[in-house]
């Protein structure tokens, strides 16, 4: 049978065919669809974990207990999971363990474009890189075989284009998945990472890498496509598809599906054939460095950019110095991302940005857009969960360099569960008088409204205990008098709360609770608001909210009735009473 699948859907299919039973992940673009896709297969357990570290540890426990497991995450999520990631090579596996890192060259939806292939060499684990949806399905099956054969986790690296591009995938619909479980051996000392055991394991890992390298040299995952010896190109991942689009079969290609441990013998064989070698890879010179370390002359990042995504035209111009002018340039108006109309974040941001003496540390989520035009309420964004800890550092700076500022942290509900709780604990323990605004919209919205510990439902649709953020906040030491829960669409209440929080001399928490607009049913009746053009003086105060329903058409402000969600925040900010319910 064949079907059109995204790379992520194909990874899910491959994991199912490989008898992977336990999947734990945290949602993050471009990896999210893998777990959503595999969760619907019969006979698997799939969960959203609070963060990537927990997800990898759940998968690690499952594989040690004897069942094949999978964890998936976006590239920056691997940073969160780095502690168990490095140690799992020493721990080894019982059943197979595969870790999917979905990298984001071009920074479509991330903070950076780090190249996670480097994690494989640092953690000393095999690295697989598919180039198509079909390979995503097939290579994930092979990844489990490699994991169990060599007693190691396997890093499976995709990129945005591989994860989200669609291609024909051949598979057997009637495939009977073989139940292969491994016996758990209690008191197996090499699972205890004590210094004496880890020193022994390190020696075994280095020897194991040589065996895996021999496998890599012989594996059909790494293949030489012979053609003219004049030009040889070494490539992997989506870059292979671009190379084939540009050159077809006119050049020789060393295609690396398993790029670590580096297949040195196959590379030497290729170098003996090709007169001039180019390395085409997105991101860091990972393959290029391996070739040059072996003394193989090649050209890579001298002409291929480190930054951004590659495409066929970049590769064509770099290697052939030819450019195809196949279309005329079109000036496309910029369309920066914006918060949804009626988003509950708008009310709190509107109240906070009235105070020029507030420093606002932001976090990762839809609400990150609160730092962009026209809202401009946030000052910093670093990484998941950093807002509270950064706010602590900013507030403590004023012990030495008074600025007359009050520091607020803004963090979403899912991000708070992910990695914000320890930052809050630190602020309480050290009595740092910051204000923590937890934006609870009952969803992990930015990645597609996935469930989280606060929603009361699991990934596979089961009812669960809805964890109350206020209970956690109080348990971590926030005093009841320093906790407020509000609906941010009530602007007067929100403004009063911000004023109270500013005056606090102790850690203070505001839980801003309003469900994500995308969770509402389209059939649900919604109020609509309109602007009276007679009394409106075009002061543009409503436009500064950042609501995407408010537009300027022919120099006149109007509210798009199709976008308006009836939150009434615009009506509350209008100083001329020109906005009315329709």
Protein backbone atom coordinates (compact mmCIF):
# COMPACT_ATOMS: atom_id res chain seq x y z
CA UNK A 1 0.00 0.00 0.00
CA UNK A 2 1.12 3.59 -0.46
CA UNK A 3 0.02 6.90 1.00
CA UNK A 4 1.00 10.55 0.91
CA UNK A 5 2.68 11.27 4.25
CA UNK A 6 4.57 14.05 5.94
CA UNK A 7 7.98 13.00 7.14
CA UNK A 8 6.68 13.15 10.71
CA UNK A 9 3.75 10.87 9.86
CA UNK A 10 6.18 8.45 8.21
CA UNK A 11 8.39 8.40 11.31
CA UNK A 12 5.31 7.47 13.34
CA UNK A 13 4.46 4.69 10.89
CA UNK A 14 8.02 3.36 10.99
CA UNK A 15 8.11 3.39 14.79
CA UNK A 16 4.84 1.47 14.86
CA UNK A 17 6.17 -1.10 12.39
CA UNK A 18 9.31 -1.42 14.53
CA UNK A 19 7.13 -2.43 17.51
CA UNK A 20 7.80 0.75 19.44
CA UNK A 21 5.29 0.73 22.29
CA UNK A 22 6.08 3.70 24.54
CA UNK A 23 6.39 7.26 23.28
CA UNK A 24 6.96 10.29 25.49
CA UNK A 25 7.54 13.78 24.13
CA UNK A 26 6.99 17.49 24.59
CA UNK A 27 5.38 19.32 21.65
CA UNK A 28 7.64 21.56 19.61
CA UNK A 29 7.64 22.54 15.95
CA UNK A 30 8.72 20.85 13.71
CA UNK A 31 8.44 17.56 15.66
CA UNK A 32 4.91 17.69 17.11
CA UNK A 33 3.05 15.63 14.50
CA UNK A 34 5.16 12.51 15.13
CA UNK A 35 3.59 11.81 18.51
CA UNK A 36 0.13 12.98 17.43
CA UNK A 37 0.32 10.54 14.51
CA UNK A 38 1.55 7.51 16.45
CA UNK A 39 -0.91 8.06 19.30
CA UNK A 40 -3.79 6.82 17.12
CA UNK A 41 -2.19 3.43 16.39
CA UNK A 42 -3.53 0.47 18.34
CA UNK A 43 -1.41 -1.03 21.09
CA UNK A 44 0.86 1.96 21.81
CA UNK A 45 1.14 4.25 24.81
CA UNK A 46 1.86 7.88 23.88
CA UNK A 47 2.06 10.83 26.26
CA UNK A 48 2.86 14.50 26.45
CA UNK A 49 5.50 14.94 29.15
CA UNK A 50 5.97 18.24 31.03
CA UNK A 51 9.34 18.76 29.29
CA UNK A 52 11.92 17.06 27.08
CA UNK A 53 14.12 15.89 29.95
CA UNK A 54 11.21 14.05 31.53
CA UNK A 55 10.22 12.66 28.12
CA UNK A 56 13.66 11.18 27.47
CA UNK A 57 13.83 9.75 30.99
CA UNK A 58 10.44 8.04 30.50
CA UNK A 59 11.64 6.56 27.21
CA UNK A 60 14.91 5.53 28.87
CA UNK A 61 13.06 3.71 31.63
CA UNK A 62 10.90 1.89 29.11
CA UNK A 63 13.85 0.71 27.03
CA UNK A 64 15.74 -0.48 30.11
CA UNK A 65 12.65 -2.40 31.22
CA UNK A 66 12.63 -4.17 27.84
CA UNK A 67 10.23 -2.34 25.50
CA UNK A 68 11.21 -0.27 22.47
CA UNK A 69 10.62 3.41 23.09
CA UNK A 70 10.74 6.75 21.31
CA UNK A 71 11.09 10.37 22.32
CA UNK A 72 10.77 13.30 19.93
CA UNK A 73 11.55 16.98 20.34
CA UNK A 74 12.56 20.09 18.47
CA UNK A 75 16.24 20.92 18.35
CA UNK A 76 16.29 23.31 21.33
CA UNK A 77 14.40 20.69 23.33
CA UNK A 78 17.48 18.49 23.13
CA UNK A 79 19.26 21.13 25.22
CA UNK A 80 16.70 20.51 27.97
CA UNK A 81 17.21 16.74 27.64
CA UNK A 82 21.01 16.92 27.44
CA UNK A 83 21.64 15.48 30.91
CA UNK A 84 19.98 12.09 30.31
CA UNK A 85 21.01 12.21 26.64
CA UNK A 86 24.73 12.09 27.39
CA UNK A 87 24.35 9.59 30.20
CA UNK A 88 22.20 7.15 28.22
CA UNK A 89 25.19 6.22 26.08
CA UNK A 90 26.90 5.07 29.27
CA UNK A 91 23.70 3.46 30.60
CA UNK A 92 23.15 1.51 27.40
CA UNK A 93 19.82 0.04 26.33
CA UNK A 94 17.93 -3.20 26.72
CA UNK A 95 15.27 -2.70 24.07
CA UNK A 96 15.87 -0.08 21.39
CA UNK A 97 15.73 3.66 22.15
CA UNK A 98 15.47 6.32 19.41
CA UNK A 99 15.66 10.06 20.06
CA UNK A 100 14.26 12.27 17.28
CA UNK A 101 15.73 15.77 17.02
CA UNK A 102 13.78 17.95 14.58
CA UNK A 103 16.11 20.81 13.66
CA UNK A 104 14.95 24.14 12.27
CA UNK A 105 17.40 25.63 9.73
CA UNK A 106 16.13 29.05 8.76
CA UNK A 107 14.59 29.58 12.22
CA UNK A 108 10.96 29.25 11.13
CA UNK A 109 9.65 28.81 14.68
CA UNK A 110 12.56 28.74 17.10
CA UNK A 111 15.08 30.83 19.00
CA UNK A 112 18.11 29.61 17.04
CA UNK A 113 19.19 27.23 14.28
CA UNK A 114 21.63 25.04 16.19
CA UNK A 115 22.81 21.94 14.34
CA UNK A 116 22.12 18.96 16.58
CA UNK A 117 24.26 16.55 14.60
CA UNK A 118 27.02 17.76 16.90
CA UNK A 119 25.17 16.19 19.83
CA UNK A 120 25.72 12.76 18.26
CA UNK A 121 29.50 13.08 18.21
CA UNK A 122 29.62 14.63 21.69
CA UNK A 123 27.31 12.02 23.22
CA UNK A 124 28.97 9.24 21.17
CA UNK A 125 25.80 7.80 19.69
CA UNK A 126 24.88 6.83 16.09
CA UNK A 127 23.28 9.53 13.94
CA UNK A 128 20.76 8.87 11.17
CA UNK A 129 19.53 11.50 8.69
CA UNK A 130 16.62 10.68 6.35
CA UNK A 131 16.16 12.59 3.09
CA UNK A 132 12.50 11.79 2.34
CA UNK A 133 9.27 10.57 3.87
CA UNK A 134 9.98 7.04 2.64
CA UNK A 135 13.36 7.08 4.33
CA UNK A 136 11.80 8.46 7.50
CA UNK A 137 9.67 5.32 7.66
CA UNK A 138 12.36 2.87 6.66
CA UNK A 139 15.27 4.34 8.61
CA UNK A 140 13.41 4.56 11.91
CA UNK A 141 12.97 0.77 11.72
CA UNK A 142 16.69 0.38 11.08
CA UNK A 143 17.45 2.76 13.96
CA UNK A 144 15.93 0.31 16.43
CA UNK A 145 17.99 -2.54 15.02
CA UNK A 146 21.16 -0.45 15.38
CA UNK A 147 20.22 0.56 18.92
CA UNK A 148 19.79 -3.01 20.12
CA UNK A 149 22.70 -4.45 18.16
CA UNK A 150 25.17 -1.94 19.58
CA UNK A 151 23.61 -1.30 23.00
CA UNK A 152 23.19 2.42 22.41
CA UNK A 153 20.49 5.03 21.90
CA UNK A 154 20.27 6.40 18.35
CA UNK A 155 19.86 10.07 17.43
CA UNK A 156 17.49 10.46 14.48
CA UNK A 157 17.87 13.96 13.03
CA UNK A 158 15.32 15.55 10.74
CA UNK A 159 14.85 19.16 9.66
CA UNK A 160 11.76 21.28 9.04
CA UNK A 161 11.66 20.40 5.33
CA UNK A 162 12.00 16.66 5.92
CA UNK A 163 9.49 16.70 8.78
CA UNK A 164 6.83 18.76 7.02
CA UNK A 165 7.29 17.88 3.34
CA UNK A 166 4.99 15.20 1.96
CA UNK A 167 5.95 12.27 -0.19
CA UNK A 168 4.69 8.86 -1.25
CA UNK A 169 5.40 6.21 1.38
CA UNK A 170 5.08 2.50 0.62
CA UNK A 171 4.11 0.27 3.54
CA UNK A 172 2.18 -2.88 4.32
CA UNK A 173 -1.28 -2.10 5.65
CA UNK A 174 -1.80 -5.68 6.85
CA UNK A 175 1.59 -5.86 8.55
CA UNK A 176 1.40 -7.92 11.73
CA UNK A 177 3.78 -6.16 14.10
CA UNK A 178 5.93 -8.73 15.85
CA UNK A 179 5.78 -8.40 19.63
CA UNK A 180 9.45 -8.41 20.64
CA UNK A 181 10.02 -7.65 24.30
CA UNK A 182 13.26 -8.13 26.18
CA UNK A 183 13.74 -9.59 29.62
CA UNK A 184 14.53 -7.13 32.39
CA UNK A 185 17.49 -8.20 34.53
CA UNK A 186 17.36 -6.86 38.06
CA UNK A 187 20.53 -5.64 39.84
CA UNK A 188 22.51 -5.37 36.60
CA UNK A 189 25.38 -3.27 37.88
CA UNK A 190 26.24 -1.55 34.60
CA UNK A 191 22.96 0.39 34.91
CA UNK A 192 24.31 2.19 38.00
CA UNK A 193 26.34 5.14 36.76
CA UNK A 194 28.79 5.26 39.61
CA UNK A 195 32.35 6.48 38.81
CA UNK A 196 33.88 3.00 38.77
CA UNK A 197 31.20 1.69 36.42
CA UNK A 198 31.24 4.77 34.16
CA UNK A 199 35.03 4.56 33.73
CA UNK A 200 34.63 0.99 32.51
CA UNK A 201 31.69 1.93 30.29
CA UNK A 202 33.64 4.75 28.64
CA UNK A 203 36.24 2.26 27.42
CA UNK A 204 33.46 0.02 26.10
CA UNK A 205 31.78 2.96 24.35
CA UNK A 206 34.98 3.89 22.50
CA UNK A 207 35.44 0.30 21.33
CA UNK A 208 31.76 0.14 20.40
CA UNK A 209 32.10 3.25 18.22
CA UNK A 210 34.70 1.45 16.11
CA UNK A 211 32.26 -1.43 15.58
CA UNK A 212 29.49 1.00 14.68
CA UNK A 213 31.84 2.77 12.26
CA UNK A 214 32.54 -0.55 10.54
CA UNK A 215 28.78 -1.07 10.28
CA UNK A 216 28.42 2.46 8.86
CA UNK A 217 31.01 1.74 6.18
CA UNK A 218 29.15 -1.38 5.06
CA UNK A 219 25.61 -0.07 5.56
CA UNK A 220 23.31 0.67 2.60
CA UNK A 221 22.32 3.80 4.55
CA UNK A 222 25.52 5.29 3.12
CA UNK A 223 25.69 4.90 -0.63
CA UNK A 224 27.89 6.12 -3.47
CA UNK A 225 26.00 7.08 -6.62
CA UNK A 226 28.65 6.90 -9.33
CA UNK A 227 28.57 9.19 -12.33
CA UNK A 228 31.14 11.56 -13.80
CA UNK A 229 34.36 11.66 -11.72
CA UNK A 230 34.82 15.36 -12.45
CA UNK A 231 32.60 16.47 -9.54
CA UNK A 232 31.72 14.56 -6.40
CA UNK A 233 29.26 15.86 -3.82
CA UNK A 234 29.01 14.57 -0.25
CA UNK A 235 25.65 15.36 1.32
CA UNK A 236 22.91 14.23 3.71
CA UNK A 237 19.33 14.98 4.71
CA UNK A 238 17.21 17.35 2.65
CA UNK A 239 20.36 18.73 0.99
CA UNK A 240 20.55 15.47 -0.99
CA UNK A 241 17.20 16.27 -2.60
CA UNK A 242 18.43 19.73 -3.59
CA UNK A 243 21.62 18.29 -5.07
CA UNK A 244 19.64 15.83 -7.18
CA UNK A 245 17.29 18.58 -8.34
CA UNK A 246 20.21 20.71 -9.52
CA UNK A 247 22.55 18.07 -10.95
CA UNK A 248 20.46 14.97 -11.56
CA UNK A 249 22.79 12.11 -12.46
CA UNK A 250 25.54 14.31 -13.94
CA UNK A 251 27.72 14.28 -10.80
CA UNK A 252 28.79 11.56 -8.39
CA UNK A 253 27.22 11.69 -4.93
CA UNK A 254 28.11 10.19 -1.58
CA UNK A 255 24.79 10.15 0.22
CA UNK A 256 25.13 9.78 3.99
CA UNK A 257 22.11 8.38 5.80
CA UNK A 258 24.30 7.52 8.78
CA UNK A 259 26.70 10.39 9.19
CA UNK A 260 28.09 9.44 12.61
CA UNK A 261 30.23 7.50 13.23
CA UNK A 262 31.61 8.81 9.97
CA UNK A 263 32.01 6.10 7.27
CA UNK A 264 35.71 6.76 6.70
CA UNK A 265 36.38 3.87 4.32
CA UNK A 266 33.45 4.76 2.10
CA UNK A 267 34.63 8.37 2.10
CA UNK A 268 38.11 7.30 1.00
CA UNK A 269 36.60 5.19 -1.77
CA UNK A 270 34.60 8.18 -2.95
CA UNK A 271 37.60 10.51 -2.74
CA UNK A 272 39.61 8.12 -4.90
CA UNK A 273 36.94 8.39 -7.60
CA UNK A 274 35.99 12.07 -7.58
CA UNK A 275 38.47 14.69 -8.77
CA UNK A 276 36.81 17.66 -7.06
CA UNK A 277 34.72 17.21 -3.93
CA UNK A 278 32.06 19.56 -2.62
CA UNK A 279 30.22 19.15 0.68
CA UNK A 280 26.61 20.31 0.67
CA UNK A 281 25.04 20.38 4.12
CA UNK A 282 22.81 22.73 6.08
CA UNK A 283 24.17 24.21 9.26
CA UNK A 284 27.61 23.50 10.65
CA UNK A 285 30.47 21.89 8.66
CA UNK A 286 29.80 18.54 10.33
CA UNK A 287 30.56 16.29 7.36
CA UNK A 288 33.16 18.68 5.98
CA UNK A 289 35.15 18.58 9.22
CA UNK A 290 35.17 14.78 9.17
CA UNK A 291 36.51 14.74 5.61
CA UNK A 292 39.18 17.35 6.27
CA UNK A 293 40.27 15.56 9.46
CA UNK A 294 40.95 12.54 7.27
CA UNK A 295 43.05 14.70 4.94
CA UNK A 296 40.50 14.63 2.12
CA UNK A 297 40.49 17.90 0.20
CA UNK A 298 37.00 19.32 -0.22
CA UNK A 299 35.12 22.59 -0.52
CA UNK A 300 32.18 23.27 1.76
CA UNK A 301 31.45 26.28 3.89
CA UNK A 302 33.79 28.40 1.78
CA UNK A 303 30.90 28.60 -0.69
CA UNK A 304 27.88 27.02 1.07
CA UNK A 305 26.35 29.28 3.77
CA UNK A 306 26.29 28.27 7.42
CA UNK A 307 23.21 30.39 8.13
CA UNK A 308 19.69 29.66 6.96
CA UNK A 309 18.15 26.93 4.84
CA UNK A 310 19.66 25.77 1.59
CA UNK A 311 17.71 25.49 -1.65
CA UNK A 312 18.54 24.39 -5.18
CA UNK A 313 19.39 27.91 -6.37
CA UNK A 314 21.89 28.51 -3.56
CA UNK A 315 23.61 25.22 -4.39
CA UNK A 316 23.57 25.85 -8.15
CA UNK A 317 25.08 29.30 -7.77
CA UNK A 318 27.71 28.13 -5.26
CA UNK A 319 29.02 25.21 -7.32
CA UNK A 320 28.35 26.14 -10.96
CA UNK A 321 28.24 29.96 -10.52
CA UNK A 322 25.13 29.94 -12.67
CA UNK A 323 21.86 31.65 -11.81
CA UNK A 324 18.44 30.87 -13.25
CA UNK A 325 16.21 33.90 -13.69
CA UNK A 326 13.02 31.92 -14.05
CA UNK A 327 10.67 34.56 -12.66
CA UNK A 328 10.54 38.26 -11.98
CA UNK A 329 11.00 39.39 -8.42
CA UNK A 330 7.77 40.34 -6.67
CA UNK A 331 7.65 42.69 -3.73
CA UNK A 332 5.48 40.87 -1.19
CA UNK A 333 4.13 42.95 1.70
CA UNK A 334 5.55 41.76 5.02
CA UNK A 335 3.16 39.72 7.14
CA UNK A 336 4.67 39.42 10.61
CA UNK A 337 3.00 36.97 13.01
CA UNK A 338 0.40 38.43 15.35
CA UNK A 339 -1.67 37.31 18.29
CA UNK A 340 -5.16 36.09 17.45
CA UNK A 341 -8.10 38.43 17.67
CA UNK A 342 -9.58 38.34 21.17
CA UNK A 343 -6.46 36.75 22.67
CA UNK A 344 -6.51 37.03 26.45
CA UNK A 345 -2.87 38.13 26.50
CA UNK A 346 -3.85 41.48 24.98
CA UNK A 347 -5.57 42.78 28.10
CA UNK A 348 -2.68 42.06 30.46
CA UNK A 349 -0.12 43.45 28.03
CA UNK A 350 -2.23 46.59 27.61
CA UNK A 351 -2.25 47.14 31.37
CA UNK A 352 1.45 46.45 31.86
CA UNK A 353 2.81 48.58 29.06
CA UNK A 354 1.22 51.69 30.55
CA UNK A 355 3.97 51.52 33.18
CA UNK A 356 7.33 52.69 31.89
CA UNK A 357 8.95 51.60 35.16
CA UNK A 358 8.26 47.89 34.53
CA UNK A 359 10.89 45.61 33.02
CA UNK A 360 9.17 42.63 31.41
CA UNK A 361 10.99 39.31 30.94
CA UNK A 362 9.18 37.12 28.43
CA UNK A 363 9.21 33.43 27.63
CA UNK A 364 8.53 30.95 24.83
CA UNK A 365 4.98 30.73 23.48
CA UNK A 366 2.41 32.70 21.51
CA UNK A 367 2.81 35.43 24.09
CA UNK A 368 6.38 36.02 22.87
CA UNK A 369 4.67 38.20 20.25
CA UNK A 370 3.97 40.63 23.08
CA UNK A 371 7.42 42.04 22.43
CA UNK A 372 6.68 42.95 18.81
CA UNK A 373 4.91 45.92 17.21
CA UNK A 374 2.50 47.33 18.13
CA UNK A 375 2.30 45.74 21.61
CA UNK A 376 5.94 46.17 22.67
CA UNK A 377 5.32 45.02 26.25
CA UNK A 378 8.21 42.55 26.60
CA UNK A 379 11.92 43.32 26.90
CA UNK A 380 13.60 39.89 26.74
CA UNK A 381 13.04 36.33 25.59
CA UNK A 382 15.70 33.66 26.07
CA UNK A 383 14.47 30.09 26.33
CA UNK A 384 11.77 27.88 27.84
CA UNK A 385 11.19 28.80 31.48
CA UNK A 386 13.86 31.51 31.59
CA UNK A 387 11.53 34.45 32.25
CA UNK A 388 11.23 33.93 36.01
CA UNK A 389 14.92 33.26 36.58
CA UNK A 390 15.96 36.19 34.36
CA UNK A 391 13.53 38.43 36.23
CA UNK A 392 15.21 37.40 39.47
CA UNK A 393 18.61 38.39 38.09
CA UNK A 394 17.27 41.70 36.79
CA UNK A 395 15.63 42.53 40.11
CA UNK A 396 18.76 41.61 42.09
CA UNK A 397 20.82 43.89 39.84
CA UNK A 398 18.98 46.79 41.41
CA UNK A 399 20.49 45.93 44.81
CA UNK A 400 23.72 47.31 43.36
CA UNK A 401 22.50 49.59 40.55
CA UNK A 402 19.14 51.11 41.46
CA UNK A 403 17.01 51.80 38.38
CA UNK A 404 13.66 52.43 40.00
CA UNK A 405 12.17 49.51 38.07
CA UNK A 406 9.87 46.65 38.99
CA UNK A 407 10.53 43.39 37.16
CA UNK A 408 7.67 41.27 35.83
CA UNK A 409 8.03 37.79 34.32
CA UNK A 410 5.55 36.48 31.73
CA UNK A 411 5.22 32.73 31.27
CA UNK A 412 2.51 30.50 29.77
CA UNK A 413 0.80 27.64 31.56
CA UNK A 414 2.52 24.87 29.57
CA UNK A 415 5.89 26.59 29.86
CA UNK A 416 5.36 27.00 33.60
CA UNK A 417 4.83 23.23 33.87
CA UNK A 418 7.80 22.69 31.54
CA UNK A 419 10.50 24.62 33.38
CA UNK A 420 9.06 27.58 35.24
CA UNK A 421 8.38 26.01 38.61
CA UNK A 422 12.02 25.87 39.68
CA UNK A 423 12.47 29.54 38.80
CA UNK A 424 9.50 30.42 40.99
CA UNK A 425 10.87 28.26 43.80
CA UNK A 426 14.17 30.12 43.52
CA UNK A 427 12.43 33.51 43.74
CA UNK A 428 10.47 32.44 46.82
CA UNK A 429 13.43 30.78 48.53
CA UNK A 430 15.65 33.82 48.03
CA UNK A 431 12.86 36.33 48.71
CA UNK A 432 13.25 38.19 45.42
CA UNK A 433 10.35 40.65 45.02
CA UNK A 434 9.46 40.01 41.39
CA UNK A 435 6.00 39.68 39.83
CA UNK A 436 5.31 36.42 37.98
CA UNK A 437 2.47 36.57 35.45
CA UNK A 438 1.34 33.06 34.49
CA UNK A 439 -0.71 33.25 31.31
CA UNK A 440 -3.11 30.33 31.63
CA UNK A 441 -5.01 29.77 28.39
CA UNK A 442 -5.73 26.10 29.12
CA UNK A 443 -3.62 24.81 26.25
CA UNK A 444 -0.19 24.43 24.70
CA UNK A 445 -1.29 26.86 22.03
CA UNK A 446 1.77 27.76 19.98
CA UNK A 447 2.33 24.21 18.74
CA UNK A 448 -1.32 23.43 18.01
CA UNK A 449 -3.38 23.37 21.23
CA UNK A 450 -1.92 20.19 22.67
CA UNK A 451 -2.94 18.99 26.13
CA UNK A 452 -0.79 19.71 29.17
CA UNK A 453 -1.01 18.85 32.89
CA UNK A 454 -3.47 21.69 33.45
CA UNK A 455 -6.06 20.67 30.84
CA UNK A 456 -7.43 17.52 32.48
CA UNK A 457 -6.96 15.35 29.39
CA UNK A 458 -4.07 13.25 28.09
CA UNK A 459 -2.67 13.01 24.57
CA UNK A 460 -4.72 9.89 23.89
CA UNK A 461 -7.95 11.51 25.08
CA UNK A 462 -8.22 10.05 28.57
CA UNK A 463 -9.57 12.12 31.46
CA UNK A 464 -6.87 13.09 33.93
CA UNK A 465 -6.42 15.19 37.03
CA UNK A 466 -6.32 18.86 36.00
CA UNK A 467 -3.37 20.31 37.86
CA UNK A 468 -4.30 23.69 39.32
CA UNK A 469 -1.55 26.26 38.86
CA UNK A 470 -2.66 28.14 41.98
CA UNK A 471 -2.14 25.00 44.08
CA UNK A 472 1.42 24.66 42.77
CA UNK A 473 2.14 28.35 43.35
CA UNK A 474 0.97 28.17 46.96
CA UNK A 475 2.83 24.90 47.54
CA UNK A 476 6.02 26.55 46.31
CA UNK A 477 5.70 29.19 49.00
CA UNK A 478 3.83 32.14 47.52
CA UNK A 479 1.71 33.67 50.27
CA UNK A 480 -2.05 33.68 49.64
CA UNK A 481 -2.10 37.48 49.93
CA UNK A 482 0.45 37.63 47.08
CA UNK A 483 -1.62 35.62 44.61
CA UNK A 484 -4.25 37.04 42.25
CA UNK A 485 -6.33 35.20 39.66
CA UNK A 486 -7.99 37.37 37.02
CA UNK A 487 -9.69 37.43 33.64
CA UNK A 488 -7.51 39.72 31.51
CA UNK A 489 -10.47 40.82 29.39
CA UNK A 490 -11.64 42.77 32.45
CA UNK A 491 -9.29 45.69 31.95
CA UNK A 492 -10.13 47.61 35.11
CA UNK A 493 -9.50 44.58 37.32
CA UNK A 494 -6.30 43.83 35.43
CA UNK A 495 -4.97 47.37 35.79
CA UNK A 496 -5.71 47.40 39.51
CA UNK A 497 -3.95 44.05 39.93
CA UNK A 498 -0.83 45.32 38.13
CA UNK A 499 -0.75 48.36 40.43
CA UNK A 500 -1.02 46.15 43.53
CA UNK A 501 1.67 43.77 42.27
CA UNK A 502 4.08 46.65 41.60
CA UNK A 503 3.92 47.70 45.25
CA UNK A 504 4.63 44.22 46.64
CA UNK A 505 7.90 43.75 48.52
CA UNK A 506 7.67 39.95 48.20
CA UNK A 507 7.35 37.52 45.31
CA UNK A 508 3.90 38.08 43.76
CA UNK A 509 1.99 35.90 41.29
CA UNK A 510 -0.76 36.91 38.86
CA UNK A 511 -2.57 34.04 37.13
CA UNK A 512 -4.16 35.51 34.01
CA UNK A 513 -6.80 32.93 33.07
CA UNK A 514 -8.61 33.09 29.76
CA UNK A 515 -9.03 30.13 27.35
CA UNK A 516 -7.30 30.25 23.99
CA UNK A 517 -9.65 31.58 21.31
CA UNK A 518 -8.79 28.60 19.11
CA UNK A 519 -10.38 26.26 21.65
CA UNK A 520 -13.79 27.85 21.20
CA UNK A 521 -16.36 26.23 18.94
CA UNK A 522 -17.12 28.10 15.73
CA UNK A 523 -20.80 27.52 16.46
CA UNK A 524 -20.50 29.31 19.80
CA UNK A 525 -22.32 32.67 19.66
CA UNK A 526 -19.91 35.60 19.75
CA UNK A 527 -20.47 39.27 20.41
CA UNK A 528 -19.27 41.65 17.73
CA UNK A 529 -18.04 45.21 18.14
CA UNK A 530 -18.09 48.08 15.66
CA UNK A 531 -16.53 51.54 15.55
CA UNK A 532 -18.69 54.62 15.23
CA UNK A 533 -16.84 56.52 12.50
CA UNK A 534 -18.62 59.75 13.41
CA UNK A 535 -17.25 59.98 16.96
CA UNK A 536 -13.94 58.16 16.29
CA UNK A 537 -11.04 60.66 16.11
CA UNK A 538 -8.47 58.13 14.85
CA UNK A 539 -6.44 58.35 18.07
CA UNK A 540 -5.32 54.78 17.29
CA UNK A 541 -5.32 53.74 20.93
CA UNK A 542 -7.29 50.60 20.03
CA UNK A 543 -4.78 49.69 17.32
CA UNK A 544 -2.00 49.65 19.91
CA UNK A 545 -3.63 46.61 21.54
CA UNK A 546 -2.27 44.46 18.73
CA UNK A 547 -5.63 42.80 18.06
CA UNK A 548 -5.64 41.40 14.52
CA UNK A 549 -9.37 42.19 14.09
CA UNK A 550 -8.66 45.94 14.25
CA UNK A 551 -7.52 47.28 10.89
CA UNK A 552 -6.92 50.59 9.18
CA UNK A 553 -8.63 50.76 5.79
CA UNK A 554 -8.39 53.96 3.74
CA UNK A 555 -7.11 55.78 6.83
CA UNK A 556 -10.18 54.76 8.79
CA UNK A 557 -10.03 52.35 11.73
CA UNK A 558 -12.48 49.46 11.51
CA UNK A 559 -13.13 46.14 13.24
CA UNK A 560 -13.34 43.15 10.91
CA UNK A 561 -16.61 41.40 11.83
CA UNK A 562 -15.23 38.05 10.68
CA UNK A 563 -12.26 38.27 13.03
CA UNK A 564 -13.85 39.97 16.06
CA UNK A 565 -14.21 37.58 19.01
CA UNK A 566 -16.21 39.92 21.22
CA UNK A 567 -13.63 40.23 24.01
CA UNK A 568 -14.52 43.95 24.48
CA UNK A 569 -10.95 45.01 25.35
CA UNK A 570 -10.98 47.55 22.53
CA UNK A 571 -14.20 49.06 23.87
CA UNK A 572 -12.59 49.40 27.31
CA UNK A 573 -9.51 51.26 26.02
CA UNK A 574 -11.39 53.69 23.76
CA UNK A 575 -11.32 57.15 25.43
CA UNK A 576 -14.14 58.50 23.22
CA UNK A 577 -16.70 55.72 23.73
CA UNK A 578 -16.68 55.15 19.97
CA UNK A 579 -16.70 51.35 20.10
CA UNK A 580 -20.04 49.69 20.68
CA UNK A 581 -21.48 46.20 20.62
CA UNK A 582 -22.98 45.53 17.19
